[in-house]
N, C-alpha and C. Protein backbone atom coordinates (compact mmCIF):
# COMPACT_ATOMS: atom_id res chain seq x y z
N MET A 1 -56.61 5.79 58.44
CA MET A 1 -56.29 5.12 57.00
C MET A 1 -56.66 3.60 57.38
N PHE A 2 -57.32 3.08 56.55
CA PHE A 2 -57.99 1.69 56.97
C PHE A 2 -56.84 0.60 56.47
N MET A 3 -57.04 -0.49 57.09
CA MET A 3 -56.03 -1.50 56.98
C MET A 3 -56.33 -2.33 55.44
N SER A 4 -55.51 -2.75 54.82
CA SER A 4 -55.75 -3.27 53.57
C SER A 4 -56.53 -4.70 53.70
N LYS A 5 -57.21 -5.08 52.61
CA LYS A 5 -58.09 -6.14 52.76
C LYS A 5 -57.22 -7.44 53.00
N THR A 6 -56.03 -7.63 52.18
CA THR A 6 -55.35 -8.66 52.27
C THR A 6 -54.60 -8.80 53.57
N LEU A 7 -54.17 -7.79 54.15
CA LEU A 7 -53.51 -7.98 55.65
C LEU A 7 -54.54 -8.37 56.59
N LYS A 8 -55.62 -7.91 56.49
CA LYS A 8 -56.82 -8.06 57.45
C LYS A 8 -57.11 -9.63 57.12
N ASN A 9 -57.27 -10.14 55.90
CA ASN A 9 -57.58 -11.50 55.95
C ASN A 9 -56.57 -12.36 56.21
N ILE A 10 -55.18 -12.08 56.27
CA ILE A 10 -54.12 -13.00 56.44
C ILE A 10 -54.02 -12.88 58.20
N LEU A 11 -54.31 -11.85 58.78
CA LEU A 11 -54.53 -11.84 60.28
C LEU A 11 -55.55 -12.64 60.72
N LEU A 12 -56.81 -12.58 60.25
CA LEU A 12 -57.94 -13.20 60.44
C LEU A 12 -57.82 -14.80 60.44
N ILE A 13 -57.05 -15.23 59.18
CA ILE A 13 -56.91 -16.37 59.02
C ILE A 13 -55.95 -17.10 60.02
N SER A 14 -54.85 -16.54 60.72
CA SER A 14 -53.98 -16.90 61.36
C SER A 14 -54.78 -16.92 62.75
N ALA A 15 -55.46 -15.88 63.03
CA ALA A 15 -56.10 -16.01 64.45
C ALA A 15 -57.13 -17.26 64.54
N ILE A 16 -57.75 -17.28 63.29
CA ILE A 16 -58.91 -18.57 63.46
C ILE A 16 -58.03 -19.85 63.52
N VAL A 17 -56.96 -20.12 62.89
CA VAL A 17 -56.24 -21.28 62.93
C VAL A 17 -55.74 -21.58 64.32
N LEU A 18 -55.07 -20.45 64.89
CA LEU A 18 -54.59 -20.56 66.29
C LEU A 18 -55.93 -20.80 67.34
N SER A 19 -57.14 -20.32 67.08
CA SER A 19 -57.99 -20.18 68.28
C SER A 19 -58.74 -21.38 67.92
N THR A 20 -58.67 -22.12 66.93
CA THR A 20 -59.35 -23.36 66.72
C THR A 20 -59.56 -24.30 67.94
N VAL A 21 -58.38 -24.76 68.32
CA VAL A 21 -58.07 -25.51 69.48
C VAL A 21 -58.63 -24.97 70.68
N GLY A 22 -58.67 -23.81 70.75
CA GLY A 22 -59.21 -23.01 71.93
C GLY A 22 -60.75 -22.90 71.91
N VAL A 23 -61.45 -22.97 70.91
CA VAL A 23 -62.65 -23.01 70.85
C VAL A 23 -63.24 -24.41 71.08
N ILE A 24 -62.61 -25.48 70.56
CA ILE A 24 -62.95 -26.91 70.95
C ILE A 24 -62.61 -27.12 72.53
N LEU A 25 -61.83 -26.52 73.04
CA LEU A 25 -61.66 -26.56 74.46
C LEU A 25 -62.77 -25.92 75.27
N CYS A 26 -63.26 -24.83 74.74
CA CYS A 26 -64.25 -23.92 75.08
C CYS A 26 -65.61 -24.92 75.10
N ILE A 27 -65.88 -25.48 74.05
CA ILE A 27 -67.15 -26.17 73.59
C ILE A 27 -67.11 -27.43 74.89
N MET A 28 -65.90 -27.92 75.11
CA MET A 28 -65.92 -29.10 76.00
C MET A 28 -66.12 -28.48 77.37
N ALA A 29 -65.67 -27.68 77.65
CA ALA A 29 -65.53 -27.04 79.02
C ALA A 29 -67.00 -26.38 79.24
N PHE A 30 -67.64 -25.73 78.13
CA PHE A 30 -69.16 -25.47 78.37
C PHE A 30 -69.68 -26.43 78.75
N PHE A 31 -69.78 -27.77 78.09
CA PHE A 31 -70.77 -28.80 78.09
C PHE A 31 -70.27 -29.56 79.60
N SER A 32 -68.99 -29.37 80.01
CA SER A 32 -68.66 -30.20 81.31
C SER A 32 -69.27 -29.42 82.60
N PHE A 33 -69.21 -28.11 82.51
CA PHE A 33 -69.36 -27.16 83.41
C PHE A 33 -70.89 -26.74 83.58
N ILE A 34 -71.66 -27.23 82.68
CA ILE A 34 -73.05 -26.40 82.23
C ILE A 34 -73.91 -26.95 83.55
N PHE A 35 -73.85 -28.22 84.12
CA PHE A 35 -74.63 -28.67 85.16
C PHE A 35 -74.25 -28.19 86.43
N GLU A 36 -72.97 -27.61 86.51
CA GLU A 36 -72.48 -27.47 87.83
C GLU A 36 -72.58 -25.61 87.96
N ILE A 37 -73.22 -25.00 87.24
CA ILE A 37 -73.29 -23.65 87.12
C ILE A 37 -73.76 -22.84 88.48
N PHE A 38 -74.73 -23.60 88.98
CA PHE A 38 -75.50 -23.13 90.20
C PHE A 38 -74.80 -23.66 91.44
N LYS A 39 -73.88 -24.40 91.43
CA LYS A 39 -73.50 -25.02 92.42
C LYS A 39 -71.87 -24.10 92.95
N GLU A 40 -71.14 -23.94 92.00
CA GLU A 40 -69.91 -23.29 92.04
C GLU A 40 -69.93 -22.08 91.18
N ARG A 41 -68.92 -21.01 91.86
CA ARG A 41 -68.75 -19.76 91.16
C ARG A 41 -67.70 -19.83 89.95
N ASP A 42 -66.90 -21.01 90.17
CA ASP A 42 -65.79 -21.12 89.05
C ASP A 42 -66.51 -21.74 87.98
N ALA A 43 -67.40 -22.75 88.17
CA ALA A 43 -68.10 -23.50 87.23
C ALA A 43 -68.89 -22.50 86.29
N PHE A 44 -69.50 -21.51 87.01
CA PHE A 44 -70.43 -20.42 86.35
C PHE A 44 -69.47 -19.69 85.44
N CYS A 45 -68.21 -19.04 86.01
CA CYS A 45 -67.34 -18.28 85.35
C CYS A 45 -66.60 -19.23 84.09
N ILE A 46 -66.22 -20.35 84.30
CA ILE A 46 -65.90 -21.11 83.22
C ILE A 46 -66.87 -21.28 82.08
N SER A 47 -68.12 -21.57 82.36
CA SER A 47 -69.11 -21.75 81.46
C SER A 47 -69.38 -20.53 80.61
N LEU A 48 -69.44 -19.38 81.29
CA LEU A 48 -69.71 -18.06 80.73
C LEU A 48 -68.76 -17.54 79.69
N GLY A 49 -67.23 -17.88 80.39
CA GLY A 49 -66.13 -17.52 79.60
C GLY A 49 -66.02 -18.42 78.29
N SER A 50 -66.52 -19.54 78.40
CA SER A 50 -66.57 -20.50 77.42
C SER A 50 -67.56 -19.97 76.24
N LEU A 51 -68.68 -19.87 76.89
CA LEU A 51 -69.61 -19.30 75.81
C LEU A 51 -69.23 -17.79 75.05
N PHE A 52 -68.65 -17.13 75.81
CA PHE A 52 -68.21 -15.86 75.37
C PHE A 52 -67.03 -16.28 74.17
N GLY A 53 -65.95 -17.41 74.56
CA GLY A 53 -64.95 -17.84 73.61
C GLY A 53 -65.62 -18.14 72.22
N ILE A 54 -66.67 -18.98 72.36
CA ILE A 54 -67.28 -19.61 71.08
C ILE A 54 -67.87 -18.27 70.14
N THR A 55 -68.45 -17.19 70.89
CA THR A 55 -69.01 -16.13 70.26
C THR A 55 -67.83 -15.32 69.60
N GLY A 56 -66.71 -15.30 70.23
CA GLY A 56 -65.59 -14.39 69.65
C GLY A 56 -65.08 -15.28 68.57
N TYR A 57 -64.94 -16.44 68.60
CA TYR A 57 -64.73 -17.34 67.28
C TYR A 57 -65.68 -17.00 66.16
N ILE A 58 -66.68 -17.10 66.60
CA ILE A 58 -67.63 -16.76 65.43
C ILE A 58 -67.68 -15.31 64.89
N GLY A 59 -67.13 -14.40 66.04
CA GLY A 59 -66.89 -12.89 65.33
C GLY A 59 -65.71 -12.98 64.36
N LEU A 60 -64.59 -13.81 64.59
CA LEU A 60 -63.48 -14.02 63.86
C LEU A 60 -64.01 -14.31 62.36
N TRP A 61 -64.63 -15.37 62.42
CA TRP A 61 -65.15 -15.95 60.96
C TRP A 61 -66.11 -14.94 60.35
N LYS A 62 -66.93 -14.30 61.08
CA LYS A 62 -67.75 -13.33 60.38
C LYS A 62 -67.00 -12.08 59.97
N SER A 63 -65.95 -11.85 60.57
CA SER A 63 -64.92 -10.61 60.14
C SER A 63 -64.28 -10.95 58.74
N LEU A 64 -64.00 -12.24 58.59
CA LEU A 64 -63.35 -12.89 57.51
C LEU A 64 -64.22 -13.02 56.35
N LEU A 65 -65.55 -13.38 56.58
CA LEU A 65 -66.44 -13.80 55.45
C LEU A 65 -67.28 -12.52 55.13
N ASP A 66 -67.61 -11.61 56.04
CA ASP A 66 -68.47 -10.43 55.60
C ASP A 66 -67.55 -9.55 54.75
N LYS A 67 -68.06 -9.57 53.37
CA LYS A 67 -67.36 -8.73 52.40
C LYS A 67 -68.03 -7.33 52.61
N THR A 68 -69.37 -7.14 52.78
CA THR A 68 -69.82 -5.91 52.93
C THR A 68 -69.79 -5.02 54.02
N ASN A 69 -69.16 -5.63 55.07
CA ASN A 69 -69.10 -4.95 56.49
C ASN A 69 -70.34 -4.39 56.82
N TYR A 70 -71.57 -4.88 56.59
CA TYR A 70 -72.87 -4.34 56.91
C TYR A 70 -73.23 -4.76 58.26
N TYR A 71 -72.95 -5.69 58.82
CA TYR A 71 -73.02 -5.87 60.27
C TYR A 71 -72.05 -5.71 61.08
N TYR A 72 -71.50 -4.57 61.23
CA TYR A 72 -70.18 -4.38 61.78
C TYR A 72 -70.65 -4.39 63.44
N ARG A 73 -71.80 -3.86 63.81
CA ARG A 73 -72.13 -3.72 65.00
C ARG A 73 -72.23 -5.02 65.93
N THR A 74 -72.80 -6.07 65.23
CA THR A 74 -72.73 -7.44 65.56
C THR A 74 -71.51 -7.91 65.64
N ASN A 75 -70.81 -7.79 64.71
CA ASN A 75 -69.38 -8.34 64.57
C ASN A 75 -68.47 -7.77 65.64
N ASN A 76 -68.61 -6.36 65.76
CA ASN A 76 -67.90 -5.93 66.96
C ASN A 76 -68.35 -6.31 68.40
N LEU A 77 -69.66 -6.68 68.51
CA LEU A 77 -69.99 -7.17 69.92
C LEU A 77 -69.40 -8.59 69.92
N LEU A 78 -69.57 -9.40 68.99
CA LEU A 78 -68.86 -10.65 69.14
C LEU A 78 -67.47 -10.76 69.50
N LEU A 79 -66.78 -9.84 68.89
CA LEU A 79 -65.29 -9.90 69.15
C LEU A 79 -65.05 -9.28 70.56
N ILE A 80 -65.85 -8.36 70.99
CA ILE A 80 -65.53 -7.83 72.39
C ILE A 80 -66.05 -8.87 73.29
N LEU A 81 -66.99 -9.78 72.97
CA LEU A 81 -67.28 -10.88 73.72
C LEU A 81 -66.01 -11.91 73.82
N GLY A 82 -65.44 -12.15 72.68
CA GLY A 82 -64.29 -13.07 72.71
C GLY A 82 -63.09 -12.35 73.53
N LEU A 83 -62.75 -10.94 73.52
CA LEU A 83 -61.97 -10.59 74.49
C LEU A 83 -62.30 -10.66 75.87
N LEU A 84 -63.50 -10.55 76.16
CA LEU A 84 -64.08 -10.77 77.62
C LEU A 84 -63.68 -12.13 78.00
N SER A 85 -63.85 -13.27 77.12
CA SER A 85 -63.55 -14.59 77.48
C SER A 85 -62.45 -14.70 77.99
N TYR A 86 -61.34 -14.18 77.07
CA TYR A 86 -59.94 -14.17 77.66
C TYR A 86 -59.81 -13.83 79.16
N ILE A 87 -60.37 -12.69 79.45
CA ILE A 87 -60.10 -11.97 80.68
C ILE A 87 -60.83 -13.01 81.59
N ILE A 88 -62.15 -13.56 81.48
CA ILE A 88 -62.88 -14.26 82.55
C ILE A 88 -62.06 -15.71 82.54
N LEU A 89 -61.71 -16.17 81.55
CA LEU A 89 -60.89 -17.50 81.70
C LEU A 89 -59.67 -17.47 82.31
N LEU A 90 -58.80 -16.33 82.12
CA LEU A 90 -57.54 -16.39 82.55
C LEU A 90 -57.66 -16.17 84.20
N PHE A 91 -58.40 -15.34 84.66
CA PHE A 91 -58.76 -14.93 85.77
C PHE A 91 -59.29 -16.07 86.73
N THR A 92 -60.15 -16.82 86.22
CA THR A 92 -60.88 -17.98 86.69
C THR A 92 -59.80 -18.99 86.95
N ILE A 93 -59.21 -19.42 86.02
CA ILE A 93 -58.25 -20.57 85.65
C ILE A 93 -57.10 -20.30 86.79
N HIS A 94 -56.54 -18.99 86.72
CA HIS A 94 -55.41 -18.71 87.59
C HIS A 94 -55.73 -18.67 89.15
N GLU A 95 -56.99 -18.54 89.53
CA GLU A 95 -57.60 -18.52 90.93
C GLU A 95 -57.68 -20.02 91.25
N SER A 96 -58.11 -20.66 90.58
CA SER A 96 -58.32 -22.34 90.86
C SER A 96 -57.05 -23.24 90.57
N MET A 97 -56.50 -22.78 89.79
CA MET A 97 -55.14 -23.74 89.85
C MET A 97 -54.13 -22.86 89.33
N PRO A 98 -53.11 -22.70 90.07
CA PRO A 98 -52.09 -21.65 89.63
C PRO A 98 -51.24 -22.28 88.43
N ILE A 99 -51.24 -21.52 87.53
CA ILE A 99 -50.48 -21.96 86.22
C ILE A 99 -49.02 -20.99 85.92
N LYS A 100 -48.00 -21.75 85.56
CA LYS A 100 -46.86 -21.26 85.41
C LYS A 100 -47.00 -20.12 84.34
N GLY A 101 -46.14 -19.13 84.48
CA GLY A 101 -46.16 -18.00 83.59
C GLY A 101 -45.48 -18.40 82.22
N PHE A 102 -45.81 -17.62 81.37
CA PHE A 102 -45.45 -18.14 80.02
C PHE A 102 -43.63 -17.95 79.91
N GLU A 103 -43.10 -19.06 79.67
CA GLU A 103 -41.63 -18.91 79.80
C GLU A 103 -41.00 -18.49 78.44
N ASP A 104 -41.63 -18.57 77.25
CA ASP A 104 -41.17 -18.28 76.00
C ASP A 104 -42.03 -17.07 75.32
N LEU A 105 -41.44 -16.21 74.79
CA LEU A 105 -42.08 -14.99 74.04
C LEU A 105 -42.97 -15.68 72.88
N LEU A 106 -42.47 -16.52 72.34
CA LEU A 106 -43.41 -17.23 71.06
C LEU A 106 -44.48 -17.89 71.54
N GLU A 107 -44.45 -18.67 72.67
CA GLU A 107 -45.63 -19.24 73.44
C GLU A 107 -46.57 -18.15 73.91
N THR A 108 -46.12 -17.02 74.32
CA THR A 108 -47.05 -16.02 74.65
C THR A 108 -47.70 -15.50 73.58
N LEU A 109 -46.98 -15.16 72.43
CA LEU A 109 -47.63 -14.73 71.20
C LEU A 109 -48.69 -15.48 70.67
N ILE A 110 -48.33 -16.80 70.62
CA ILE A 110 -49.14 -17.69 69.92
C ILE A 110 -50.49 -17.81 70.80
N PHE A 111 -50.35 -17.67 72.07
CA PHE A 111 -51.62 -17.79 72.92
C PHE A 111 -52.61 -16.56 72.61
N PHE A 112 -51.97 -15.21 72.72
CA PHE A 112 -52.47 -14.05 72.79
C PHE A 112 -52.77 -13.55 71.24
N GLU A 113 -52.35 -14.18 70.36
CA GLU A 113 -52.51 -13.80 68.86
C GLU A 113 -54.09 -13.43 68.58
N PRO A 114 -54.95 -14.42 68.91
CA PRO A 114 -56.34 -14.16 68.33
C PRO A 114 -56.59 -12.95 69.14
N CYS A 115 -56.53 -12.75 70.38
CA CYS A 115 -56.76 -11.69 71.15
C CYS A 115 -56.13 -10.30 70.39
N ILE A 116 -55.11 -10.40 70.09
CA ILE A 116 -54.30 -9.03 69.52
C ILE A 116 -55.05 -8.78 68.28
N VAL A 117 -55.20 -9.85 67.42
CA VAL A 117 -55.97 -9.75 66.13
C VAL A 117 -57.47 -8.83 66.18
N ALA A 118 -58.22 -9.49 67.33
CA ALA A 118 -59.31 -9.06 67.50
C ALA A 118 -59.30 -7.52 67.87
N ILE A 119 -58.58 -7.04 68.77
CA ILE A 119 -58.09 -5.72 69.14
C ILE A 119 -57.80 -4.95 67.69
N ILE A 120 -56.75 -5.28 66.92
CA ILE A 120 -56.60 -4.75 65.70
C ILE A 120 -57.85 -4.51 64.85
N ILE A 121 -58.68 -5.59 64.73
CA ILE A 121 -59.86 -5.65 63.86
C ILE A 121 -60.94 -4.66 64.64
N LEU A 122 -60.94 -4.66 65.75
CA LEU A 122 -61.94 -3.62 66.28
C LEU A 122 -61.57 -2.25 66.14
N ILE A 123 -60.28 -2.05 66.26
CA ILE A 123 -59.75 -0.63 66.05
C ILE A 123 -60.00 -0.16 64.53
N ASP A 124 -59.68 -1.18 63.62
CA ASP A 124 -60.16 -0.80 62.24
C ASP A 124 -61.44 -0.46 62.06
N ASN A 125 -62.29 -1.47 62.70
CA ASN A 125 -63.77 -1.23 62.53
C ASN A 125 -64.18 0.11 63.02
N PHE A 126 -63.78 0.55 64.05
CA PHE A 126 -64.08 1.69 64.82
C PHE A 126 -63.67 2.85 63.90
N THR A 127 -62.37 2.74 63.34
CA THR A 127 -62.02 3.87 62.51
C THR A 127 -62.73 3.99 61.30
N GLN A 128 -63.43 2.93 60.72
CA GLN A 128 -64.26 3.13 59.47
C GLN A 128 -65.47 3.65 60.08
N ILE A 129 -66.02 3.17 61.27
CA ILE A 129 -67.27 3.91 61.67
C ILE A 129 -67.33 5.48 61.83
N LYS A 130 -65.95 5.75 62.30
CA LYS A 130 -65.74 7.29 62.56
C LYS A 130 -65.65 7.99 61.18
N HIS A 131 -65.06 7.42 60.28
CA HIS A 131 -64.63 8.04 58.99
C HIS A 131 -66.03 8.17 58.29
N LYS A 132 -67.02 7.21 58.48
CA LYS A 132 -68.32 7.24 57.85
C LYS A 132 -69.15 8.42 58.45
N ARG A 133 -69.09 8.44 59.59
CA ARG A 133 -69.80 9.45 60.41
C ARG A 133 -69.07 10.94 60.18
N ASN A 134 -67.84 11.08 60.06
CA ASN A 134 -67.43 12.38 59.67
C ASN A 134 -67.51 12.66 58.11
N SER A 135 -67.77 12.00 57.39
CA SER A 135 -67.84 12.34 55.80
C SER A 135 -69.61 12.20 55.69
């Protein structure tokens, strides 16, 4: 069973709102570390993770604005790159500067909500693809 369009739009809007600050930080990090990518491994990882974060943000917008679901492969790729961004940046930042754990459940949910929404949208997209192939 597919997710209703209204629920999907609500989830996407909430993820876009919460990840807007993150994408602004990704743009700033990308341009500040772009000149050091060949000198340090951390700079390369942060630049790559930032670039993937920007593509994930574009994937969230495409999921919201695409009414036909015609470009689902491109959209799924953008969302997967956004998820990779979380993984790359968390491991890179955690190695270079130890961050405190999330002390509050709400704080953790706000931080990972765009990631959770991207996973839900990917599962829904793959379910639709599987349903189209079987019918």
